[in-house]
Protein backbone atom coordinates (compact mmCIF):
# COMPACT_ATOMS: atom_id res chain seq x y z
CA MET A 1 0.06 0.12 0.02
CA ASP A 2 1.72 3.24 -0.91
CA ARG A 3 1.80 6.25 1.82
CA ARG A 4 -1.26 7.73 0.57
CA ARG A 5 -3.59 5.07 0.92
CA GLN A 6 -2.45 4.50 4.48
CA LEU A 7 -2.92 8.04 5.37
CA GLU A 8 -6.19 7.87 3.98
CA ALA A 9 -7.03 4.54 5.87
CA ARG A 10 -5.36 6.68 9.12
CA ILE A 11 -7.49 9.41 8.95
CA GLY A 12 -10.88 7.00 8.31
CA SER A 13 -9.86 5.43 11.49
CA PHE A 14 -10.46 9.15 13.65
CA PRO A 15 -13.91 10.00 14.88
CA ARG A 16 -15.71 12.00 12.49
CA GLN A 17 -19.10 14.11 11.89
CA ARG A 18 -20.16 15.02 8.35
CA LEU A 19 -20.13 18.70 7.97
CA ALA A 20 -18.62 19.80 4.73
CA HIS A 21 -19.53 19.59 0.85
CA LEU A 22 -16.30 17.90 -0.51
CA PRO A 23 -14.36 17.18 -2.29
CA THR A 24 -14.81 21.33 -2.86
CA PRO A 25 -14.23 22.20 -6.73
CA LEU A 26 -10.81 23.04 -8.29
CA GLU A 27 -10.83 25.91 -10.80
CA GLU A 28 -8.33 27.28 -13.01
CA ALA A 29 -7.87 31.27 -12.72
CA LYS A 30 -6.55 32.49 -15.80
CA ALA A 31 -7.21 35.88 -15.81
CA LEU A 32 -5.59 36.18 -12.26
CA ALA A 33 -2.57 34.09 -13.60
CA LYS A 34 -2.48 36.66 -16.59
CA GLN A 35 -2.36 39.21 -14.36
CA LEU A 36 0.26 37.90 -11.83
CA GLY A 37 2.52 35.68 -14.11
CA PRO A 38 2.59 32.22 -12.93
CA ARG A 39 2.47 29.56 -15.51
CA GLN A 40 -0.92 28.26 -14.37
CA LEU A 41 -3.10 29.51 -11.35
CA LEU A 42 -5.78 27.46 -9.45
CA LEU A 43 -7.91 28.22 -6.95
CA LYS A 44 -9.31 25.03 -4.48
CA ARG A 45 -12.56 26.25 -3.90
CA ASP A 46 -12.73 25.95 0.22
CA ASP A 47 -15.03 28.89 0.13
CA ALA A 48 -17.84 26.50 -0.82
CA THR A 49 -17.51 23.94 2.00
CA GLY A 50 -21.30 25.11 3.07
CA LEU A 51 -21.42 24.99 6.35
CA ALA A 52 -22.67 28.79 7.50
CA LEU A 53 -21.26 30.15 3.99
CA GLY A 54 -18.52 28.11 3.44
CA GLY A 55 -14.72 28.81 4.76
CA ASN A 56 -11.99 26.57 5.75
CA LYS A 57 -12.74 25.63 9.49
CA ALA A 58 -15.79 23.02 7.99
CA ARG A 59 -12.80 20.78 7.06
CA LYS A 60 -11.57 21.16 10.96
CA LEU A 61 -14.95 20.99 12.66
CA GLU A 62 -15.64 17.26 11.03
CA PHE A 63 -13.03 16.21 13.23
CA ILE A 64 -13.21 17.91 16.13
CA MET A 65 -16.86 17.64 16.53
CA GLY A 66 -16.09 13.84 16.14
CA ASP A 67 -13.59 14.05 19.03
CA VAL A 68 -16.04 16.31 21.09
CA LEU A 69 -18.81 13.43 20.75
CA ALA A 70 -16.48 10.96 21.55
CA GLN A 71 -15.49 12.61 24.85
CA GLY A 72 -19.59 12.67 25.85
CA ALA A 73 -19.55 16.50 25.77
CA ASP A 74 -22.83 18.67 24.92
CA SER A 75 -21.18 21.99 24.60
CA VAL A 76 -17.76 23.65 22.91
CA VAL A 77 -16.23 26.07 24.34
CA THR A 78 -14.28 28.47 22.11
CA TRP A 79 -12.81 31.84 21.67
CA GLY A 80 -11.66 34.41 18.91
CA ALA A 81 -12.04 38.04 17.43
CA THR A 82 -15.71 39.51 17.46
CA GLN A 83 -16.33 38.80 14.17
CA SER A 84 -14.40 35.39 13.78
CA ASN A 85 -15.02 33.07 10.88
CA TRP A 86 -13.69 30.22 13.42
CA CYS A 87 -16.47 31.05 16.01
CA ARG A 88 -19.03 31.48 13.05
CA GLN A 89 -18.67 27.76 11.87
CA THR A 90 -18.07 26.48 15.50
CA ALA A 91 -21.42 27.91 16.27
CA ALA A 92 -23.12 26.39 13.29
CA ALA A 93 -21.24 22.84 13.52
CA ALA A 94 -22.62 22.67 17.29
CA ALA A 95 -26.48 23.36 16.36
CA LYS A 96 -26.19 21.18 13.48
CA LEU A 97 -25.27 18.52 16.12
CA GLY A 98 -27.29 19.40 18.83
CA LEU A 99 -24.81 20.74 20.80
CA ASN A 100 -24.15 24.12 22.71
CA ALA A 101 -21.73 26.59 21.57
CA SER A 102 -20.10 29.03 23.67
CA LEU A 103 -17.89 31.77 22.68
CA VAL A 104 -15.74 34.17 24.05
CA LEU A 105 -15.13 37.07 21.66
CA LEU A 106 -11.99 39.53 22.16
CA GLU A 107 -12.23 42.84 21.92
CA ARG A 108 -9.50 44.90 21.20
CA GLY A 109 -8.81 48.89 21.37
CA SER A 110 -12.76 50.28 19.64
CA THR A 111 -13.69 46.60 18.28
CA GLY A 112 -17.47 47.49 18.02
CA ARG A 113 -20.34 44.77 18.62
CA GLU A 114 -22.33 45.78 16.50
CA VAL A 115 -25.40 42.77 15.47
CA ASP A 116 -23.99 42.14 11.89
CA GLY A 117 -21.81 39.96 9.90
CA ASN A 118 -20.43 37.32 12.01
CA LEU A 119 -21.87 37.99 15.29
CA LEU A 120 -25.36 38.31 13.68
CA LEU A 121 -24.72 34.67 12.72
CA ASP A 122 -23.24 33.60 15.98
CA ARG A 123 -26.40 34.63 17.44
CA LEU A 124 -28.83 33.03 14.74
CA PHE A 125 -27.36 29.76 15.71
CA GLY A 126 -27.94 30.08 19.44
CA ALA A 127 -24.25 30.56 20.76
CA SER A 128 -23.99 31.45 24.32
CA ILE A 129 -21.64 34.87 23.84
CA ARG A 130 -18.95 36.53 26.56
CA HIS A 131 -17.56 39.59 25.14
CA VAL A 132 -13.88 40.59 26.61
CA SER A 133 -11.69 43.24 26.45
CA VAL A 134 -7.89 42.33 26.01
CA ALA A 135 -4.81 44.43 26.21
CA SER A 136 -3.28 44.13 22.70
CA ASP A 137 0.21 42.70 23.80
CA VAL A 138 -2.24 39.42 24.76
CA LYS A 139 -1.16 36.38 22.71
CA THR A 140 -5.08 35.13 21.84
CA LEU A 141 -3.93 32.37 19.97
CA GLU A 142 -3.00 30.47 23.25
CA LEU A 143 -5.00 29.49 25.93
CA ALA A 144 -2.74 30.98 28.09
CA GLY A 145 -3.42 34.06 27.35
CA VAL A 146 -7.18 33.72 27.62
CA SER A 147 -7.64 30.90 30.18
CA GLU A 148 -9.30 32.84 32.97
CA HIS A 149 -12.23 34.08 30.29
CA VAL A 150 -12.26 30.84 28.46
CA GLU A 151 -12.78 28.67 32.01
CA ARG A 152 -15.29 31.04 33.46
CA ALA A 153 -17.22 30.51 30.02
CA ALA A 154 -17.05 26.23 30.66
CA GLU A 155 -17.55 26.85 34.30
CA GLU A 156 -21.22 28.69 33.73
CA GLU A 157 -21.71 25.89 31.31
CA ARG A 158 -20.97 23.18 33.56
CA GLY A 159 -23.25 25.36 36.35
CA ARG A 160 -25.84 24.89 33.35
CA GLY A 161 -25.25 21.00 33.80
CA ARG A 162 -23.45 20.63 30.61
CA ARG A 163 -20.14 18.75 30.04
CA PRO A 164 -18.14 21.24 28.04
CA TYR A 165 -14.98 20.50 25.76
CA ILE A 166 -12.78 23.54 25.18
CA ALA A 167 -11.61 23.61 21.80
CA PRO A 168 -8.51 25.65 20.96
CA ILE A 169 -8.97 28.28 18.02
CA GLY A 170 -8.01 26.80 15.23
CA GLY A 171 -8.71 23.42 16.47
CA SER A 172 -5.25 22.33 16.45
CA ALA A 173 -3.54 23.26 19.67
CA LEU A 174 -2.92 20.49 22.30
CA GLU A 175 -4.44 22.36 25.00
CA GLY A 176 -7.99 22.56 26.53
CA SER A 177 -9.85 19.34 25.77
CA MET A 178 -8.00 19.10 22.95
CA ARG A 179 -5.53 15.98 22.91
CA ALA A 180 -4.62 15.60 19.37
CA PRO A 181 -4.00 17.95 16.31
CA TRP A 182 -7.74 17.23 14.53
CA GLY A 183 -8.02 20.36 12.68
CA ALA A 184 -4.39 20.06 11.08
CA ILE A 185 -5.75 16.36 9.89
CA GLY A 186 -8.75 18.18 8.30
CA TYR A 187 -6.44 19.39 6.26
CA VAL A 188 -3.70 16.62 5.39
CA ASP A 189 -7.13 15.23 4.46
CA ALA A 190 -7.57 18.14 1.94
CA PHE A 191 -4.22 18.01 0.65
CA LEU A 192 -4.60 14.27 -0.46
CA GLU A 193 -8.22 15.42 -1.96
CA LEU A 194 -6.01 18.16 -3.94
CA LEU A 195 -3.69 15.83 -5.00
CA SER A 196 -6.32 13.29 -6.30
CA GLN A 197 -7.60 16.35 -8.44
CA ILE A 198 -4.41 17.60 -9.49
CA SER A 199 -3.21 14.00 -10.87
CA ALA A 200 -6.56 13.57 -12.72
CA LEU A 201 -5.81 16.97 -14.44
CA GLY A 202 -2.43 15.43 -15.79
CA LYS A 203 -0.43 18.31 -13.47
CA SER A 204 2.21 18.73 -10.90
CA LEU A 205 1.74 20.49 -7.71
CA ASP A 206 4.27 23.44 -7.07
CA ALA A 207 2.89 25.18 -4.58
CA VAL A 208 -0.07 25.63 -2.17
CA VAL A 209 -0.37 29.31 -1.20
CA HIS A 210 -2.87 30.26 1.29
CA ALA A 211 -3.85 32.37 4.80
CA THR A 212 -2.42 31.19 8.08
CA GLY A 213 -3.81 32.63 11.25
CA SER A 214 -3.57 29.82 13.92
CA GLY A 215 -1.40 27.60 12.05
CA SER A 216 -3.82 24.84 11.85
CA THR A 217 -4.42 24.48 7.97
CA GLN A 218 -0.79 25.18 6.94
CA ALA A 219 0.20 22.54 9.69
CA GLY A 220 -2.00 20.15 7.71
CA LEU A 221 -1.04 21.05 4.31
CA LEU A 222 2.52 20.85 5.26
CA ALA A 223 2.33 17.48 6.81
CA GLY A 224 0.62 16.07 3.89
CA ALA A 225 2.84 17.35 1.76
CA LEU A 226 6.14 16.50 3.36
CA ALA A 227 4.64 12.63 3.31
CA CYS A 228 3.32 12.55 -0.28
CA SER A 229 4.40 15.42 -2.37
CA PRO A 230 7.20 16.65 -0.83
CA LYS A 231 8.69 19.20 -3.56
CA THR A 232 5.37 21.11 -3.17
CA ARG A 233 5.66 24.17 -0.86
CA ILE A 234 3.33 24.94 1.45
CA VAL A 235 3.16 29.02 1.82
CA GLY A 236 1.31 30.35 4.30
CA ILE A 237 0.50 34.78 4.21
CA SER A 238 0.02 35.44 7.84
CA VAL A 239 -2.65 37.60 8.48
CA SER A 240 -2.36 37.57 12.71
CA GLU A 241 0.98 37.32 13.87
CA ASP A 242 4.95 37.95 12.72
CA ARG A 243 6.82 35.07 10.83
CA GLU A 244 8.78 33.79 13.57
CA THR A 245 5.95 33.53 15.83
CA MET A 246 3.73 31.91 13.14
CA ALA A 247 6.37 29.26 12.34
CA GLY A 248 6.96 28.02 15.78
CA TYR A 249 3.03 27.41 15.76
CA VAL A 250 2.81 25.73 12.48
CA ARG A 251 6.12 23.39 13.48
CA ARG A 252 4.28 22.47 16.54
CA ILE A 253 1.16 21.77 14.94
CA ALA A 254 2.99 19.58 11.99
CA ASP A 255 5.29 17.81 13.71
CA SER A 256 1.95 16.24 16.28
CA THR A 257 0.10 15.76 12.97
CA LEU A 258 2.67 13.62 11.68
CA GLU A 259 3.14 11.68 14.88
CA LEU A 260 -0.87 10.87 15.17
CA LEU A 261 -0.44 9.28 11.17
CA GLY A 262 2.11 7.20 12.67
CA LEU A 263 5.14 8.96 10.01
CA GLU A 264 8.77 8.83 11.17
CA LEU A 265 9.08 12.56 9.39
CA ARG A 266 9.33 15.71 11.11
CA THR A 267 9.87 19.30 9.85
CA ARG A 268 12.66 20.95 9.06
CA GLU A 269 13.16 24.82 9.30
CA GLU A 270 13.58 25.18 5.91
CA ASP A 271 9.99 23.52 5.00
CA VAL A 272 7.94 26.33 6.92
CA ILE A 273 7.57 29.16 4.58
CA VAL A 274 5.94 31.62 6.41
CA LEU A 275 5.14 35.92 4.64
CA ASP A 276 4.50 38.16 7.09
CA ASP A 277 4.79 41.28 4.64
CA TYR A 278 0.87 41.56 4.25
CA LEU A 279 0.04 42.37 7.84
CA GLU A 280 -0.85 45.56 6.97
CA ALA A 281 -2.73 47.16 9.98
CA GLY A 282 -3.66 43.66 11.78
CA TYR A 283 -5.84 41.04 11.69
CA GLY A 284 -9.45 42.14 10.35
CA ILE A 285 -8.65 45.87 9.56
CA PHE A 286 -9.63 46.96 6.24
CA THR A 287 -6.84 49.02 4.56
CA PRO A 288 -7.07 50.53 0.77
CA ALA A 289 -4.42 47.29 -0.31
CA VAL A 290 -7.00 45.13 1.35
CA GLY A 291 -9.46 46.80 -1.09
CA ALA A 292 -7.24 46.54 -3.82
CA ALA A 293 -6.80 43.08 -3.24
CA LEU A 294 -10.72 42.22 -3.08
CA GLU A 295 -11.47 44.47 -6.15
CA ARG A 296 -8.40 42.47 -8.34
CA MET A 297 -9.91 38.82 -6.98
CA ALA A 298 -13.43 40.17 -7.44
CA ARG A 299 -13.12 41.75 -11.59
CA ALA A 300 -10.82 38.36 -12.38
CA GLU A 301 -12.20 35.72 -11.18
CA GLY A 302 -15.54 36.89 -9.78
CA VAL A 303 -14.79 35.49 -6.70
CA LEU A 304 -15.50 37.03 -3.53
CA VAL A 305 -12.49 36.87 -0.59
CA PHE A 306 -12.65 38.38 2.88
CA ARG A 307 -10.10 39.04 4.84
CA ASP A 308 -11.94 38.39 8.12
CA SER A 309 -15.79 37.68 7.42
CA ALA A 310 -17.90 35.58 4.81
CA SER A 311 -20.78 38.07 5.69
CA GLU A 312 -18.65 40.98 7.06
CA ARG A 313 -19.89 44.56 7.64
CA MET A 314 -16.90 45.85 5.97
CA ARG A 315 -17.78 49.54 4.80
CA ILE A 316 -16.54 48.87 1.15
CA LEU A 317 -18.19 51.33 -1.07
CA TYR A 318 -17.27 52.28 -4.67
CA ARG A 319 -15.73 55.86 -4.48
CA ARG A 320 -18.02 57.35 -7.52
CA GLU A 321 -15.28 60.00 -8.88
CA ASP A 322 -13.16 57.08 -9.87
CA GLY A 323 -14.77 53.81 -9.73
CA ASN A 324 -12.27 52.12 -7.46
CA LEU A 325 -12.97 50.46 -4.00
CA GLY A 326 -12.28 52.33 -0.78
CA LEU A 327 -12.82 52.81 2.55
CA ILE A 328 -14.92 55.44 3.40
CA GLU A 329 -15.52 56.18 7.37
CA PRO A 330 -19.51 56.74 8.45
CA GLU A 331 -19.99 60.12 9.83
CA ALA A 332 -19.46 61.32 12.86
């Protein structure tokens, strides 16, 4: 049995709840490739996973929710930004499976609480919501940085007679209730799916370029590539942390994923490619450069890509004098 089949069999042995519309399409982006210059550019449409408007979290949550039910929990406690995609899809998955979702939503500075975008969807899915202000220097990707608030939410769930499962943001860090990097396993599975689609086209896969926020998606893709396509580069564009911090997250999660899969492989420093050149003003903050990127993809391929929220209140309006997208602040 070749390694790909071995991995498929191993992944198939893990607890899983089917939530996503899979396989997602693989589409050629001819117009965008012509603008950017690569020989061929393909879009793996994980915005079309279906759960709660789609996104990459659905693949992760299939395995996470499998573990939630295997542990006998009936409530999922997690955290993220006010307009977090992770929280939105976690709330939707919980609702679909008859579980409660308890969300700790973190606010920095003047982050608003307007009930729109993902926050509106969180409420529609019936999630319990706790708003918490955190300092700008707190590492919110790590449970240690928010443990006080998360434990309080978990204790409230226990007080209601529920059995909470604490799911770390991104779904792969070995903390809270998570004893295995289930979110990353979802993206090993995705990489195998992508390899099958590429093989059917008679093509080779030079690089996978994607946004990396918690390191979980990149770790899963990297583990899959190291196992089955070592010449494929996995390039993460950081949306949240500097290169060194993000690369550390990716390596830790990828190595624990390779171990869970029974592989003797481990990552090397040069395997982890993270670019932090595009952080702009910070996670989820709209700038003219972000608007230009959204506009380019929309006009070249008819595809909508959002930095933070699939239904985000982004205040992107056309400037009528030149037709270009720009940020127009509301009147005071």
